[in-house]
Amino acid sequence: NIGASSIVGFYLDNSFSMNAETEAGLTLEVAKNKVREALTAYKENDRFFLVTNNSIGGNSHLLTKDEISSKLDDVSFSSTQLKSGAIIQKARAYFSKAPQNNRDLFFISDMQTSLLNCPENHQPDTSFQLYALPLQAASPANISIDSIWFSSPVIQLGEPLNMTVLVKNHGAENANSVSVSLFLDGVQKAAGVIDIAAGTEQKLDLDLVINEAGWHSGEVKIQDHPVIFDDNYYFSVSVKKDIAVTGISEA
């Protein structure tokens, strides 16, 4: 039985990795449903709190069942990732408002390595009960642009220039016909298609010519679903009108 004085916390991981698909739908939506299911086990006069990767401030306002359900609807993806230690610290601030024997914390995440940072000789906190609910995407398929580089350290105005793009396949299945596009100042300059075996990386060479001196903004794009936050790689390049050359001789 759960007492009426219980305080129940939920860490809902809303990092970009939760954008992956599971058999039951988007991982983040599955996580939200896990929170809703857990809420049904508690009483109306219990109090709740929700921690996400957007929870930066020190607010420790407790919520009713209806309030936390409403707050779930507003949770979207975050570019930041709280570490597990910071999450526990935030939970302790909430739990300080409750009797020590009625504290529950649900940890709902796909448990990426970047989330976990338990120090050596870590001693578990026995002042609350922790329930870890790991979520696993149906397929960890994802393609990303690792890096780019030019073949020459000197970029000459109006001369052909070769760029190499390194693309990685983080998934367990081969990726075929991956489209790679190169843009300079918003205009497409080159494109190519590559096949990348599962768990490997592949290079693609793209050629372009820069006809105007000065700084230029560039972007390399791939098309990859459902994880799309790492599909764009931005860079800048400076091209000089004239290149100073010093000749050194015996004289």
C-alpha atoms as a PDB file:
ATOM      1  CA  ASN A   1       0.000   0.000   0.000  1.00  0.00           C
ATOM      2  CA  ILE A   2       1.194   3.496  -0.836  1.00  0.00           C
ATOM      3  CA  GLY A   3       0.498   6.083   1.820  1.00  0.00           C
ATOM      4  CA  ALA A   4      -1.231   9.358   1.140  1.00  0.00           C
ATOM      5  CA  SER A   5       1.933  11.214   2.139  1.00  0.00           C
ATOM      6  CA  SER A   6       4.001   9.689  -0.650  1.00  0.00           C
ATOM      7  CA  ILE A   7       6.126  11.834  -2.937  1.00  0.00           C
ATOM      8  CA  VAL A   8       6.812  10.212  -6.281  1.00  0.00           C
ATOM      9  CA  GLY A   9       9.417  11.443  -8.767  1.00  0.00           C
ATOM     10  CA  PHE A  10       9.893  10.714 -12.442  1.00  0.00           C
ATOM     11  CA  TYR A  11      13.012  11.323 -14.483  1.00  0.00           C
ATOM     12  CA  LEU A  12      11.819  11.404 -18.089  1.00  0.00           C
ATOM     13  CA  ASP A  13      14.732  11.285 -20.520  1.00  0.00           C
ATOM     14  CA  ASN A  14      13.942  13.638 -23.411  1.00  0.00           C
ATOM     15  CA  SER A  15      17.375  13.667 -25.062  1.00  0.00           C
ATOM     16  CA  PHE A  16      17.675  13.306 -28.841  1.00  0.00           C
ATOM     17  CA  SER A  17      18.332   9.555 -28.592  1.00  0.00           C
ATOM     18  CA  MET A  18      14.726   9.169 -27.392  1.00  0.00           C
ATOM     19  CA  ASN A  19      13.652  10.081 -30.935  1.00  0.00           C
ATOM     20  CA  ALA A  20      14.203   6.459 -32.013  1.00  0.00           C
ATOM     21  CA  GLU A  21      11.317   4.181 -32.892  1.00  0.00           C
ATOM     22  CA  THR A  22      10.175   1.159 -30.878  1.00  0.00           C
ATOM     23  CA  GLU A  23       7.547  -1.409 -31.731  1.00  0.00           C
ATOM     24  CA  ALA A  24       5.134   0.630 -29.602  1.00  0.00           C
ATOM     25  CA  GLY A  25       6.018   3.972 -31.208  1.00  0.00           C
ATOM     26  CA  LEU A  26       8.440   6.836 -30.593  1.00  0.00           C
ATOM     27  CA  THR A  27      10.641   6.147 -27.544  1.00  0.00           C
ATOM     28  CA  LEU A  28       9.771   9.458 -25.864  1.00  0.00           C
ATOM     29  CA  GLU A  29       6.031   8.786 -26.219  1.00  0.00           C
ATOM     30  CA  VAL A  30       6.517   5.283 -24.819  1.00  0.00           C
ATOM     31  CA  ALA A  31       8.322   6.833 -21.846  1.00  0.00           C
ATOM     32  CA  LYS A  32       5.457   9.280 -21.258  1.00  0.00           C
ATOM     33  CA  ASN A  33       3.001   6.376 -21.242  1.00  0.00           C
ATOM     34  CA  LYS A  34       5.178   4.600 -18.653  1.00  0.00           C
ATOM     35  CA  VAL A  35       4.764   7.634 -16.390  1.00  0.00           C
ATOM     36  CA  ARG A  36       0.983   7.631 -16.899  1.00  0.00           C
ATOM     37  CA  GLU A  37       0.819   3.912 -16.090  1.00  0.00           C
ATOM     38  CA  ALA A  38       2.817   4.397 -12.892  1.00  0.00           C
ATOM     39  CA  LEU A  39       0.554   7.265 -11.796  1.00  0.00           C
ATOM     40  CA  THR A  40      -2.433   4.917 -11.665  1.00  0.00           C
ATOM     41  CA  ALA A  41      -0.836   3.087  -8.707  1.00  0.00           C
ATOM     42  CA  TYR A  42      -0.906   6.211  -6.511  1.00  0.00           C
ATOM     43  CA  LYS A  43      -3.613   8.098  -4.667  1.00  0.00           C
ATOM     44  CA  GLU A  44      -5.082  11.466  -5.539  1.00  0.00           C
ATOM     45  CA  ASN A  45      -3.608  13.124  -2.465  1.00  0.00           C
ATOM     46  CA  ASP A  46      -0.068  11.932  -3.179  1.00  0.00           C
ATOM     47  CA  ARG A  47       2.312  14.480  -4.683  1.00  0.00           C
ATOM     48  CA  PHE A  48       4.607  14.189  -7.681  1.00  0.00           C
ATOM     49  CA  PHE A  49       7.484  15.833  -9.524  1.00  0.00           C
ATOM     50  CA  LEU A  50       8.955  15.556 -13.012  1.00  0.00           C
ATOM     51  CA  VAL A  51      12.610  15.969 -13.938  1.00  0.00           C
ATOM     52  CA  THR A  52      13.685  16.251 -17.597  1.00  0.00           C
ATOM     53  CA  ASN A  53      16.876  17.382 -19.304  1.00  0.00           C
ATOM     54  CA  ASN A  54      15.366  20.884 -19.413  1.00  0.00           C
ATOM     55  CA  SER A  55      15.146  21.016 -15.591  1.00  0.00           C
ATOM     56  CA  ILE A  56      17.971  23.478 -15.053  1.00  0.00           C
ATOM     57  CA  GLY A  57      16.607  25.698 -12.281  1.00  0.00           C
ATOM     58  CA  GLY A  58      16.124  24.900  -8.619  1.00  0.00           C
ATOM     59  CA  ASN A  59      12.311  24.870  -8.619  1.00  0.00           C
ATOM     60  CA  SER A  60      10.978  22.134  -6.328  1.00  0.00           C
ATOM     61  CA  HIS A  61       7.235  22.706  -6.638  1.00  0.00           C
ATOM     62  CA  LEU A  62       5.257  19.493  -6.122  1.00  0.00           C
ATOM     63  CA  LEU A  63       2.422  18.560  -8.461  1.00  0.00           C
ATOM     64  CA  THR A  64      -0.929  16.841  -8.231  1.00  0.00           C
ATOM     65  CA  LYS A  65      -1.824  13.905 -10.472  1.00  0.00           C
ATOM     66  CA  ASP A  66      -3.644  16.167 -12.913  1.00  0.00           C
ATOM     67  CA  GLU A  67      -0.816  18.702 -12.977  1.00  0.00           C
ATOM     68  CA  ILE A  68       1.905  16.181 -13.756  1.00  0.00           C
ATOM     69  CA  SER A  69      -0.274  14.562 -16.438  1.00  0.00           C
ATOM     70  CA  SER A  70      -0.701  17.961 -18.062  1.00  0.00           C
ATOM     71  CA  LYS A  71       3.013  18.688 -17.801  1.00  0.00           C
ATOM     72  CA  LEU A  72       3.823  15.458 -19.648  1.00  0.00           C
ATOM     73  CA  ASP A  73       2.058  16.767 -22.741  1.00  0.00           C
ATOM     74  CA  ASP A  74       4.474  19.715 -22.925  1.00  0.00           C
ATOM     75  CA  VAL A  75       7.687  17.669 -22.815  1.00  0.00           C
ATOM     76  CA  SER A  76       9.610  17.834 -26.107  1.00  0.00           C
ATOM     77  CA  PHE A  77      13.155  16.929 -27.132  1.00  0.00           C
ATOM     78  CA  SER A  78      16.131  18.624 -25.496  1.00  0.00           C
ATOM     79  CA  SER A  79      19.640  19.208 -26.861  1.00  0.00           C
ATOM     80  CA  THR A  80      21.093  18.841 -23.351  1.00  0.00           C
ATOM     81  CA  GLN A  81      21.631  15.685 -21.297  1.00  0.00           C
ATOM     82  CA  LEU A  82      21.597  15.675 -17.500  1.00  0.00           C
ATOM     83  CA  LYS A  83      23.955  13.258 -15.803  1.00  0.00           C
ATOM     84  CA  SER A  84      22.509  10.711 -13.391  1.00  0.00           C
ATOM     85  CA  GLY A  85      24.235  12.409 -10.453  1.00  0.00           C
ATOM     86  CA  ALA A  86      22.529  15.733 -11.201  1.00  0.00           C
ATOM     87  CA  ILE A  87      19.177  13.973 -11.536  1.00  0.00           C
ATOM     88  CA  ILE A  88      19.558  12.365  -8.111  1.00  0.00           C
ATOM     89  CA  GLN A  89      20.443  15.749  -6.579  1.00  0.00           C
ATOM     90  CA  LYS A  90      17.287  17.312  -7.989  1.00  0.00           C
ATOM     91  CA  ALA A  91      15.212  14.395  -6.696  1.00  0.00           C
ATOM     92  CA  ARG A  92      16.641  14.836  -3.201  1.00  0.00           C
ATOM     93  CA  ALA A  93      15.449  18.468  -3.163  1.00  0.00           C
ATOM     94  CA  TYR A  94      11.899  17.258  -3.792  1.00  0.00           C
ATOM     95  CA  PHE A  95      12.130  14.346  -1.354  1.00  0.00           C
ATOM     96  CA  SER A  96      13.146  16.674   1.464  1.00  0.00           C
ATOM     97  CA  LYS A  97       9.455  17.636   1.591  1.00  0.00           C
ATOM     98  CA  ALA A  98       8.256  14.090   2.370  1.00  0.00           C
ATOM     99  CA  PRO A  99       8.494  11.488   5.155  1.00  0.00           C
ATOM    100  CA  GLN A 100      11.539   9.324   4.608  1.00  0.00           C
ATOM    101  CA  ASN A 101       9.596   6.066   4.226  1.00  0.00           C
ATOM    102  CA  ASN A 102       7.367   7.242   1.336  1.00  0.00           C
ATOM    103  CA  ARG A 103       9.704   8.257  -1.455  1.00  0.00           C
ATOM    104  CA  ASP A 104       9.772   6.672  -4.932  1.00  0.00           C
ATOM    105  CA  LEU A 105      11.822   7.673  -7.979  1.00  0.00           C
ATOM    106  CA  PHE A 106      11.189   6.271 -11.466  1.00  0.00           C
ATOM    107  CA  PHE A 107      14.114   6.513 -13.868  1.00  0.00           C
ATOM    108  CA  ILE A 108      12.762   6.213 -17.434  1.00  0.00           C
ATOM    109  CA  SER A 109      15.404   6.345 -20.172  1.00  0.00           C
ATOM    110  CA  ASP A 110      17.107   4.444 -22.978  1.00  0.00           C
ATOM    111  CA  MET A 111      20.131   4.434 -20.626  1.00  0.00           C
ATOM    112  CA  GLN A 112      22.762   5.898 -22.944  1.00  0.00           C
ATOM    113  CA  THR A 113      26.322   5.773 -21.588  1.00  0.00           C
ATOM    114  CA  SER A 114      26.464   9.603 -21.583  1.00  0.00           C
ATOM    115  CA  LEU A 115      23.707   9.624 -18.945  1.00  0.00           C
ATOM    116  CA  LEU A 116      25.400   7.445 -16.322  1.00  0.00           C
ATOM    117  CA  ASN A 117      28.211   8.871 -14.218  1.00  0.00           C
ATOM    118  CA  CYS A 118      28.253   6.967 -10.923  1.00  0.00           C
ATOM    119  CA  PRO A 119      31.626   7.476  -9.184  1.00  0.00           C
ATOM    120  CA  GLU A 120      33.731   4.607  -7.910  1.00  0.00           C
ATOM    121  CA  ASN A 121      32.766   3.283  -4.460  1.00  0.00           C
ATOM    122  CA  HIS A 122      29.298   4.747  -4.967  1.00  0.00           C
ATOM    123  CA  GLN A 123      26.950   4.075  -2.049  1.00  0.00           C
ATOM    124  CA  PRO A 124      23.231   3.812  -2.924  1.00  0.00           C
ATOM    125  CA  ASP A 125      20.876   6.324  -1.320  1.00  0.00           C
ATOM    126  CA  THR A 126      18.520   4.300   0.889  1.00  0.00           C
ATOM    127  CA  SER A 127      16.277   7.288   1.673  1.00  0.00           C
ATOM    128  CA  PHE A 128      14.167   6.571  -1.431  1.00  0.00           C
ATOM    129  CA  GLN A 129      13.192   3.627  -3.626  1.00  0.00           C
ATOM    130  CA  LEU A 130      14.567   3.720  -7.186  1.00  0.00           C
ATOM    131  CA  TYR A 131      12.763   2.011 -10.073  1.00  0.00           C
ATOM    132  CA  ALA A 132      14.773   1.937 -13.318  1.00  0.00           C
ATOM    133  CA  LEU A 133      12.741   1.440 -16.494  1.00  0.00           C
ATOM    134  CA  PRO A 134      15.142   1.055 -19.455  1.00  0.00           C
ATOM    135  CA  LEU A 135      13.675   1.510 -22.929  1.00  0.00           C
ATOM    136  CA  GLN A 136      15.197  -0.054 -26.020  1.00  0.00           C
ATOM    137  CA  ALA A 137      14.526   1.124 -29.556  1.00  0.00           C
ATOM    138  CA  ALA A 138      13.392  -1.546 -31.989  1.00  0.00           C
ATOM    139  CA  SER A 139      16.315  -0.680 -34.242  1.00  0.00           C
ATOM    140  CA  PRO A 140      19.263   1.549 -33.341  1.00  0.00           C
ATOM    141  CA  ALA A 141      19.572   2.644 -36.976  1.00  0.00           C
ATOM    142  CA  ASN A 142      21.349   5.969 -37.425  1.00  0.00           C
ATOM    143  CA  ILE A 143      23.647   7.548 -39.992  1.00  0.00           C
ATOM    144  CA  SER A 144      25.739  10.587 -39.079  1.00  0.00           C
ATOM    145  CA  ILE A 145      28.380  12.843 -40.613  1.00  0.00           C
ATOM    146  CA  ASP A 146      31.570  12.338 -38.633  1.00  0.00           C
ATOM    147  CA  SER A 147      33.886  14.905 -40.225  1.00  0.00           C
ATOM    148  CA  ILE A 148      34.934  16.677 -43.422  1.00  0.00           C
ATOM    149  CA  TRP A 149      38.272  17.897 -44.822  1.00  0.00           C
ATOM    150  CA  PHE A 150      39.771  19.446 -47.943  1.00  0.00           C
ATOM    151  CA  SER A 151      42.460  17.682 -49.964  1.00  0.00           C
ATOM    152  CA  SER A 152      44.609  20.822 -50.096  1.00  0.00           C
ATOM    153  CA  PRO A 153      45.643  23.132 -47.233  1.00  0.00           C
ATOM    154  CA  VAL A 154      45.518  26.066 -49.673  1.00  0.00           C
ATOM    155  CA  ILE A 155      42.236  26.927 -51.393  1.00  0.00           C
ATOM    156  CA  GLN A 156      42.740  28.720 -54.702  1.00  0.00           C
ATOM    157  CA  LEU A 157      40.146  30.979 -56.232  1.00  0.00           C
ATOM    158  CA  GLY A 158      38.482  29.460 -59.291  1.00  0.00           C
ATOM    159  CA  GLU A 159      40.387  26.175 -59.023  1.00  0.00           C
ATOM    160  CA  PRO A 160      38.813  22.711 -58.542  1.00  0.00           C
ATOM    161  CA  LEU A 161      38.708  21.725 -54.866  1.00  0.00           C
ATOM    162  CA  ASN A 162      38.174  18.263 -53.438  1.00  0.00           C
ATOM    163  CA  MET A 163      36.311  17.717 -50.149  1.00  0.00           C
ATOM    164  CA  THR A 164      36.142  14.368 -48.341  1.00  0.00           C
ATOM    165  CA  VAL A 165      33.105  13.566 -46.194  1.00  0.00           C
ATOM    166  CA  LEU A 166      33.321  10.783 -43.603  1.00  0.00           C
ATOM    167  CA  VAL A 167      29.916   9.207 -42.882  1.00  0.00           C
ATOM    168  CA  LYS A 168      29.256   6.619 -40.147  1.00  0.00           C
ATOM    169  CA  ASN A 169      26.628   3.907 -39.907  1.00  0.00           C
ATOM    170  CA  HIS A 170      25.864   3.384 -36.197  1.00  0.00           C
ATOM    171  CA  GLY A 171      23.175   0.781 -36.878  1.00  0.00           C
ATOM    172  CA  ALA A 172      23.099  -2.995 -37.141  1.00  0.00           C
ATOM    173  CA  GLU A 173      21.918  -3.013 -40.768  1.00  0.00           C
ATOM    174  CA  ASN A 174      23.581  -1.940 -44.000  1.00  0.00           C
ATOM    175  CA  ALA A 175      22.646   1.521 -45.276  1.00  0.00           C
ATOM    176  CA  ASN A 176      22.307   1.672 -49.044  1.00  0.00           C
ATOM    177  CA  SER A 177      22.123   4.697 -51.346  1.00  0.00           C
ATOM    178  CA  VAL A 178      22.716   7.319 -48.645  1.00  0.00           C
ATOM    179  CA  SER A 179      22.388  10.742 -50.282  1.00  0.00           C
ATOM    180  CA  VAL A 180      25.052  13.338 -49.388  1.00  0.00           C
ATOM    181  CA  SER A 181      24.693  16.967 -50.517  1.00  0.00           C
ATOM    182  CA  LEU A 182      27.163  19.859 -50.300  1.00  0.00           C
ATOM    183  CA  PHE A 183      25.935  23.458 -50.035  1.00  0.00           C
ATOM    184  CA  LEU A 184      27.970  26.659 -50.137  1.00  0.00           C
ATOM    185  CA  ASP A 185      26.288  29.935 -49.142  1.00  0.00           C
ATOM    186  CA  GLY A 186      22.912  28.177 -49.404  1.00  0.00           C
ATOM    187  CA  VAL A 187      23.482  26.934 -52.970  1.00  0.00           C
ATOM    188  CA  GLN A 188      23.976  23.242 -53.727  1.00  0.00           C
ATOM    189  CA  LYS A 189      27.428  22.684 -55.255  1.00  0.00           C
ATOM    190  CA  ALA A 190      27.796  18.896 -55.262  1.00  0.00           C
ATOM    191  CA  ALA A 191      26.054  15.651 -54.349  1.00  0.00           C
ATOM    192  CA  GLY A 192      26.804  11.971 -54.115  1.00  0.00           C
ATOM    193  CA  VAL A 193      25.466   8.591 -52.996  1.00  0.00           C
ATOM    194  CA  ILE A 194      27.245   5.976 -50.884  1.00  0.00           C
ATOM    195  CA  ASP A 195      26.591   2.563 -49.366  1.00  0.00           C
ATOM    196  CA  ILE A 196      27.735   2.029 -45.763  1.00  0.00           C
ATOM    197  CA  ALA A 197      27.921  -1.401 -44.169  1.00  0.00           C
ATOM    198  CA  ALA A 198      26.559  -1.865 -40.648  1.00  0.00           C
ATOM    199  CA  GLY A 199      28.856  -0.514 -37.938  1.00  0.00           C
ATOM    200  CA  THR A 200      31.372   0.961 -40.394  1.00  0.00           C
ATOM    201  CA  GLU A 201      32.323   4.326 -41.876  1.00  0.00           C
ATOM    202  CA  GLN A 202      32.668   5.356 -45.490  1.00  0.00           C
ATOM    203  CA  LYS A 203      34.392   8.247 -47.286  1.00  0.00           C
ATOM    204  CA  LEU A 204      32.832  10.209 -50.127  1.00  0.00           C
ATOM    205  CA  ASP A 205      34.732  12.708 -52.289  1.00  0.00           C
ATOM    206  CA  LEU A 206      32.893  15.793 -53.532  1.00  0.00           C
ATOM    207  CA  ASP A 207      34.298  18.430 -55.934  1.00  0.00           C
ATOM    208  CA  LEU A 208      33.516  22.142 -56.015  1.00  0.00           C
ATOM    209  CA  VAL A 209      34.901  25.426 -57.306  1.00  0.00           C
ATOM    210  CA  ILE A 210      34.819  28.674 -55.304  1.00  0.00           C
ATOM    211  CA  ASN A 211      34.771  31.730 -57.562  1.00  0.00           C
ATOM    212  CA  GLU A 212      34.508  34.536 -55.006  1.00  0.00           C
ATOM    213  CA  ALA A 213      37.066  35.605 -52.417  1.00  0.00           C
ATOM    214  CA  GLY A 214      36.189  35.997 -48.745  1.00  0.00           C
ATOM    215  CA  TRP A 215      34.463  33.890 -46.092  1.00  0.00           C
ATOM    216  CA  HIS A 216      31.875  31.328 -47.167  1.00  0.00           C
ATOM    217  CA  SER A 217      29.446  29.284 -45.052  1.00  0.00           C
ATOM    218  CA  GLY A 218      29.055  25.650 -45.971  1.00  0.00           C
ATOM    219  CA  GLU A 219      26.850  22.719 -45.053  1.00  0.00           C
ATOM    220  CA  VAL A 220      26.915  19.001 -45.762  1.00  0.00           C
ATOM    221  CA  LYS A 221      23.568  17.188 -45.501  1.00  0.00           C
ATOM    222  CA  ILE A 222      22.426  13.590 -45.427  1.00  0.00           C
ATOM    223  CA  GLN A 223      18.908  12.165 -45.349  1.00  0.00           C
ATOM    224  CA  ASP A 224      18.390   9.708 -42.508  1.00  0.00           C
ATOM    225  CA  HIS A 225      15.295   8.844 -40.463  1.00  0.00           C
ATOM    226  CA  PRO A 226      14.166   8.747 -37.728  1.00  0.00           C
ATOM    227  CA  VAL A 227      17.217  10.260 -35.958  1.00  0.00           C
ATOM    228  CA  ILE A 228      17.803  13.510 -37.844  1.00  0.00           C
ATOM    229  CA  PHE A 229      19.587  15.855 -35.408  1.00  0.00           C
ATOM    230  CA  ASP A 230      23.047  14.733 -36.634  1.00  0.00           C
ATOM    231  CA  ASP A 231      22.271  14.927 -40.363  1.00  0.00           C
ATOM    232  CA  ASN A 232      23.768  18.405 -40.927  1.00  0.00           C
ATOM    233  CA  TYR A 233      27.460  19.334 -40.690  1.00  0.00           C
ATOM    234  CA  TYR A 234      28.308  23.044 -40.822  1.00  0.00           C
ATOM    235  CA  PHE A 235      31.650  24.586 -41.743  1.00  0.00           C
ATOM    236  CA  SER A 236      33.183  27.852 -42.893  1.00  0.00           C
ATOM    237  CA  VAL A 237      36.032  28.475 -45.311  1.00  0.00           C
ATOM    238  CA  SER A 238      38.057  31.543 -46.259  1.00  0.00           C
ATOM    239  CA  VAL A 239      39.337  32.033 -49.809  1.00  0.00           C
ATOM    240  CA  LYS A 240      41.894  34.762 -50.522  1.00  0.00           C
ATOM    241  CA  LYS A 241      41.998  36.654 -53.804  1.00  0.00           C
ATOM    242  CA  ASP A 242      45.791  36.535 -53.821  1.00  0.00           C
ATOM    243  CA  ILE A 243      48.159  34.214 -52.023  1.00  0.00           C
ATOM    244  CA  ALA A 244      51.414  35.748 -50.822  1.00  0.00           C
ATOM    245  CA  VAL A 245      54.471  33.703 -51.757  1.00  0.00           C
ATOM    246  CA  THR A 246      57.988  34.258 -50.448  1.00  0.00           C
ATOM    247  CA  GLY A 247      60.910  33.057 -52.549  1.00  0.00           C
ATOM    248  CA  ILE A 248      64.055  32.070 -50.642  1.00  0.00           C
ATOM    249  CA  SER A 249      67.384  31.840 -52.429  1.00  0.00           C
ATOM    250  CA  GLU A 250      71.088  31.930 -51.575  1.00  0.00           C
ATOM    251  CA  ALA A 251      71.114  35.723 -52.110  1.00  0.00           C
END
